[in-house]
Every structure is written in structure tokens, then in C-alpha cells.
Amino acid sequence: MTDSAKKPKRPRDTNQLAKLIADIATGEATDPDPDEGKDPAAVALGRKGGQKGGKARAEKLSDERKSEIARKAAAARWRKNG
């Protein structure tokens, strides 16, 4: 069973959701913490890698490859809007 299966989800029914929000606001219920049950060391390690990922990748790419990526992105934007 995965961690996400153990966490209670918010109700999809609007009336039940409204009651849950009211209960949380009045202190009768608590909102589940999304980071609950995660290993703090693993969270820190993942954050560390995420902070340097884009910069490290950009430094490794050649100027030609960066231009190629930019051209492809611009073409995709034009196709999307055109």
C-alpha cells in the first residue's frame, strides 16, 4: 500500500467539503499535513537536488543545444496559439 493511499482525501461532495472546512476553521477537525510521514532527511535531499538541477543542466548544455531547445519551445508556442 502506498503512502498516498493511507492519507484521507477531502470529500468531493460540496456539502461535505464545506462542513469539513467549517470544522477545520472552528478547530473541531484538523487538516492533514501533506508532509506527515515523510523522512525529513529524504525531503531535504530532494530539495537540495531540485535547487541546483536547472542551473547544473544549463551549464552542461552547449550554446547550440540551448538554441535548439529554445527554437523548439518557440515553435511549440506558435503552434499552440496559431
N, C-alpha and C. Protein backbone atom coordinates (compact mmCIF):
# COMPACT_ATOMS: atom_id res chain seq x y z
N MET A 1 0.84 -1.18 0.00
CA MET A 1 0.00 0.00 0.00
C MET A 1 0.89 1.24 0.00
N THR A 2 0.61 2.22 -0.86
CA THR A 2 1.42 3.41 -0.95
C THR A 2 1.03 4.42 0.12
N ASP A 3 1.90 5.39 0.33
CA ASP A 3 1.62 6.43 1.33
C ASP A 3 0.39 7.24 0.96
N SER A 4 0.20 7.49 -0.34
CA SER A 4 -0.94 8.30 -0.76
C SER A 4 -2.26 7.58 -0.48
N ALA A 5 -2.26 6.26 -0.46
CA ALA A 5 -3.49 5.51 -0.19
C ALA A 5 -3.88 5.60 1.28
N LYS A 6 -2.92 5.86 2.15
CA LYS A 6 -3.20 5.93 3.58
C LYS A 6 -3.77 7.28 3.99
N LYS A 7 -3.49 8.32 3.22
CA LYS A 7 -3.91 9.67 3.59
C LYS A 7 -5.39 9.87 3.27
N PRO A 8 -6.14 10.44 4.19
CA PRO A 8 -7.55 10.70 3.88
C PRO A 8 -7.66 11.84 2.88
N LYS A 9 -8.52 11.65 1.90
CA LYS A 9 -8.73 12.68 0.89
C LYS A 9 -9.89 13.55 1.30
N ARG A 10 -9.90 14.75 0.80
CA ARG A 10 -11.03 15.64 1.07
C ARG A 10 -12.23 15.15 0.29
N PRO A 11 -13.43 15.32 0.85
CA PRO A 11 -14.62 14.84 0.15
C PRO A 11 -14.87 15.59 -1.15
N ARG A 12 -15.42 14.89 -2.13
CA ARG A 12 -15.73 15.51 -3.42
C ARG A 12 -17.08 16.23 -3.38
N ASP A 13 -17.94 15.78 -2.50
CA ASP A 13 -19.26 16.39 -2.36
C ASP A 13 -19.09 17.79 -1.78
N THR A 14 -19.71 18.79 -2.40
CA THR A 14 -19.51 20.17 -1.96
C THR A 14 -20.03 20.42 -0.54
N ASN A 15 -21.12 19.79 -0.18
CA ASN A 15 -21.66 19.98 1.17
C ASN A 15 -20.74 19.37 2.23
N GLN A 16 -20.23 18.19 1.95
CA GLN A 16 -19.31 17.55 2.89
C GLN A 16 -18.01 18.33 3.00
N LEU A 17 -17.53 18.85 1.87
CA LEU A 17 -16.31 19.66 1.87
C LEU A 17 -16.52 20.93 2.67
N ALA A 18 -17.67 21.57 2.50
CA ALA A 18 -17.97 22.79 3.25
C ALA A 18 -18.00 22.53 4.74
N LYS A 19 -18.58 21.39 5.14
CA LYS A 19 -18.61 21.05 6.57
C LYS A 19 -17.20 20.81 7.09
N LEU A 20 -16.38 20.10 6.31
CA LEU A 20 -15.01 19.85 6.73
C LEU A 20 -14.25 21.16 6.90
N ILE A 21 -14.40 22.08 5.96
CA ILE A 21 -13.72 23.38 6.06
C ILE A 21 -14.19 24.14 7.28
N ALA A 22 -15.49 24.11 7.55
CA ALA A 22 -16.02 24.78 8.74
C ALA A 22 -15.48 24.13 10.01
N ASP A 23 -15.41 22.80 10.03
CA ASP A 23 -14.87 22.10 11.19
C ASP A 23 -13.40 22.44 11.41
N ILE A 24 -12.64 22.55 10.34
CA ILE A 24 -11.23 22.92 10.46
C ILE A 24 -11.12 24.34 10.99
N ALA A 25 -11.96 25.24 10.49
CA ALA A 25 -11.92 26.64 10.92
C ALA A 25 -12.28 26.80 12.39
N THR A 26 -13.19 25.97 12.89
CA THR A 26 -13.61 26.08 14.29
C THR A 26 -12.76 25.24 15.22
N GLY A 27 -11.86 24.45 14.66
CA GLY A 27 -10.97 23.63 15.48
C GLY A 27 -11.53 22.27 15.84
N GLU A 28 -12.68 21.91 15.30
CA GLU A 28 -13.27 20.60 15.58
C GLU A 28 -12.58 19.48 14.81
N ALA A 29 -11.90 19.83 13.71
CA ALA A 29 -11.17 18.86 12.91
C ALA A 29 -9.83 19.49 12.51
N THR A 30 -8.88 18.65 12.15
CA THR A 30 -7.59 19.17 11.71
C THR A 30 -7.38 18.80 10.26
N ASP A 31 -6.69 19.69 9.55
CA ASP A 31 -6.35 19.45 8.15
C ASP A 31 -5.12 18.57 8.13
N PRO A 32 -5.13 17.46 7.38
CA PRO A 32 -3.96 16.58 7.37
C PRO A 32 -2.74 17.29 6.77
N ASP A 33 -1.58 17.08 7.40
CA ASP A 33 -0.33 17.68 6.95
C ASP A 33 0.19 16.89 5.76
N PRO A 34 0.45 17.55 4.61
CA PRO A 34 0.91 16.82 3.44
C PRO A 34 2.30 16.21 3.61
N ASP A 35 3.14 16.76 4.50
CA ASP A 35 4.48 16.23 4.71
C ASP A 35 4.54 15.20 5.83
N GLU A 36 3.40 14.90 6.42
CA GLU A 36 3.37 13.94 7.51
C GLU A 36 3.77 12.55 7.01
N GLY A 37 4.64 11.89 7.73
CA GLY A 37 5.06 10.55 7.38
C GLY A 37 6.24 10.50 6.44
N LYS A 38 6.76 11.68 6.04
CA LYS A 38 7.92 11.69 5.16
C LYS A 38 9.19 11.81 5.98
N ASP A 39 10.24 11.18 5.51
CA ASP A 39 11.53 11.23 6.17
C ASP A 39 12.14 12.62 5.94
N PRO A 40 12.39 13.40 7.00
CA PRO A 40 12.93 14.76 6.82
C PRO A 40 14.26 14.77 6.07
N ALA A 41 15.09 13.75 6.27
CA ALA A 41 16.37 13.69 5.57
C ALA A 41 16.15 13.52 4.06
N ALA A 42 15.18 12.70 3.69
CA ALA A 42 14.89 12.48 2.28
C ALA A 42 14.29 13.74 1.65
N VAL A 43 13.45 14.44 2.39
CA VAL A 43 12.86 15.68 1.89
C VAL A 43 13.97 16.71 1.65
N ALA A 44 14.89 16.83 2.59
CA ALA A 44 15.99 17.79 2.46
C ALA A 44 16.88 17.43 1.27
N LEU A 45 17.14 16.15 1.09
CA LEU A 45 17.99 15.72 -0.03
C LEU A 45 17.31 16.02 -1.36
N GLY A 46 16.03 15.75 -1.46
CA GLY A 46 15.30 16.04 -2.69
C GLY A 46 15.25 17.52 -2.99
N ARG A 47 15.07 18.31 -1.97
CA ARG A 47 15.04 19.77 -2.14
C ARG A 47 16.40 20.27 -2.60
N LYS A 48 17.45 19.73 -2.02
CA LYS A 48 18.80 20.14 -2.39
C LYS A 48 19.06 19.88 -3.87
N GLY A 49 18.68 18.71 -4.34
CA GLY A 49 18.87 18.38 -5.75
C GLY A 49 18.02 19.24 -6.65
N GLY A 50 16.81 19.55 -6.22
CA GLY A 50 15.90 20.36 -7.02
C GLY A 50 16.38 21.79 -7.18
N GLN A 51 17.05 22.30 -6.17
CA GLN A 51 17.50 23.68 -6.22
C GLN A 51 18.65 23.87 -7.21
N LYS A 52 19.47 22.86 -7.38
CA LYS A 52 20.61 23.03 -8.28
C LYS A 52 20.39 22.41 -9.65
N GLY A 53 19.29 21.71 -9.84
CA GLY A 53 19.08 20.95 -11.07
C GLY A 53 19.08 21.76 -12.35
N GLY A 54 18.30 22.82 -12.43
CA GLY A 54 18.20 23.62 -13.65
C GLY A 54 19.49 24.31 -13.99
N LYS A 55 20.15 24.88 -13.00
CA LYS A 55 21.41 25.58 -13.24
C LYS A 55 22.49 24.62 -13.70
N ALA A 56 22.56 23.45 -13.05
CA ALA A 56 23.58 22.46 -13.42
C ALA A 56 23.35 21.98 -14.85
N ARG A 57 22.10 21.78 -15.23
CA ARG A 57 21.80 21.31 -16.59
C ARG A 57 22.16 22.38 -17.61
N ALA A 58 21.83 23.63 -17.30
CA ALA A 58 22.13 24.72 -18.22
C ALA A 58 23.64 24.88 -18.43
N GLU A 59 24.42 24.69 -17.39
CA GLU A 59 25.88 24.81 -17.51
C GLU A 59 26.46 23.71 -18.38
N LYS A 60 25.86 22.54 -18.37
CA LYS A 60 26.38 21.41 -19.14
C LYS A 60 26.02 21.51 -20.63
N LEU A 61 24.94 22.22 -20.96
CA LEU A 61 24.50 22.29 -22.35
C LEU A 61 25.38 23.24 -23.16
N SER A 62 25.62 22.88 -24.42
CA SER A 62 26.36 23.77 -25.31
C SER A 62 25.42 24.89 -25.77
N ASP A 63 26.03 25.95 -26.31
CA ASP A 63 25.22 27.07 -26.81
C ASP A 63 24.31 26.62 -27.94
N GLU A 64 24.81 25.72 -28.80
CA GLU A 64 24.00 25.24 -29.92
C GLU A 64 22.78 24.46 -29.41
N ARG A 65 22.99 23.64 -28.39
CA ARG A 65 21.89 22.84 -27.84
C ARG A 65 20.86 23.73 -27.17
N LYS A 66 21.33 24.76 -26.46
CA LYS A 66 20.40 25.71 -25.82
C LYS A 66 19.54 26.40 -26.88
N SER A 67 20.17 26.80 -27.99
CA SER A 67 19.43 27.44 -29.08
C SER A 67 18.41 26.50 -29.69
N GLU A 68 18.81 25.25 -29.85
CA GLU A 68 17.90 24.24 -30.41
C GLU A 68 16.68 24.06 -29.50
N ILE A 69 16.90 23.98 -28.20
CA ILE A 69 15.81 23.83 -27.25
C ILE A 69 14.89 25.05 -27.29
N ALA A 70 15.49 26.25 -27.36
CA ALA A 70 14.70 27.48 -27.41
C ALA A 70 13.86 27.56 -28.68
N ARG A 71 14.47 27.15 -29.83
CA ARG A 71 13.72 27.16 -31.08
C ARG A 71 12.54 26.21 -31.02
N LYS A 72 12.77 25.04 -30.46
CA LYS A 72 11.69 24.04 -30.36
C LYS A 72 10.57 24.55 -29.46
N ALA A 73 10.94 25.22 -28.35
CA ALA A 73 9.92 25.76 -27.44
C ALA A 73 9.12 26.87 -28.11
N ALA A 74 9.81 27.74 -28.85
CA ALA A 74 9.11 28.83 -29.55
C ALA A 74 8.17 28.27 -30.60
N ALA A 75 8.60 27.25 -31.32
CA ALA A 75 7.74 26.63 -32.33
C ALA A 75 6.51 26.01 -31.69
N ALA A 76 6.69 25.40 -30.54
CA ALA A 76 5.55 24.79 -29.85
C ALA A 76 4.57 25.87 -29.39
N ARG A 77 5.09 27.01 -28.94
CA ARG A 77 4.20 28.10 -28.53
C ARG A 77 3.42 28.64 -29.72
N TRP A 78 4.07 28.79 -30.86
CA TRP A 78 3.39 29.29 -32.04
C TRP A 78 2.32 28.32 -32.53
N ARG A 79 2.63 27.02 -32.48
CA ARG A 79 1.63 26.01 -32.88
C ARG A 79 0.43 26.07 -31.95
N LYS A 80 0.68 26.25 -30.67
CA LYS A 80 -0.38 26.27 -29.68
C LYS A 80 -1.30 27.48 -29.87
N ASN A 81 -0.73 28.63 -30.15
CA ASN A 81 -1.50 29.87 -30.27
C ASN A 81 -2.00 30.12 -31.68
N GLY A 82 -1.42 29.46 -32.66
CA GLY A 82 -1.75 29.77 -34.05
C GLY A 82 -2.79 28.96 -34.63
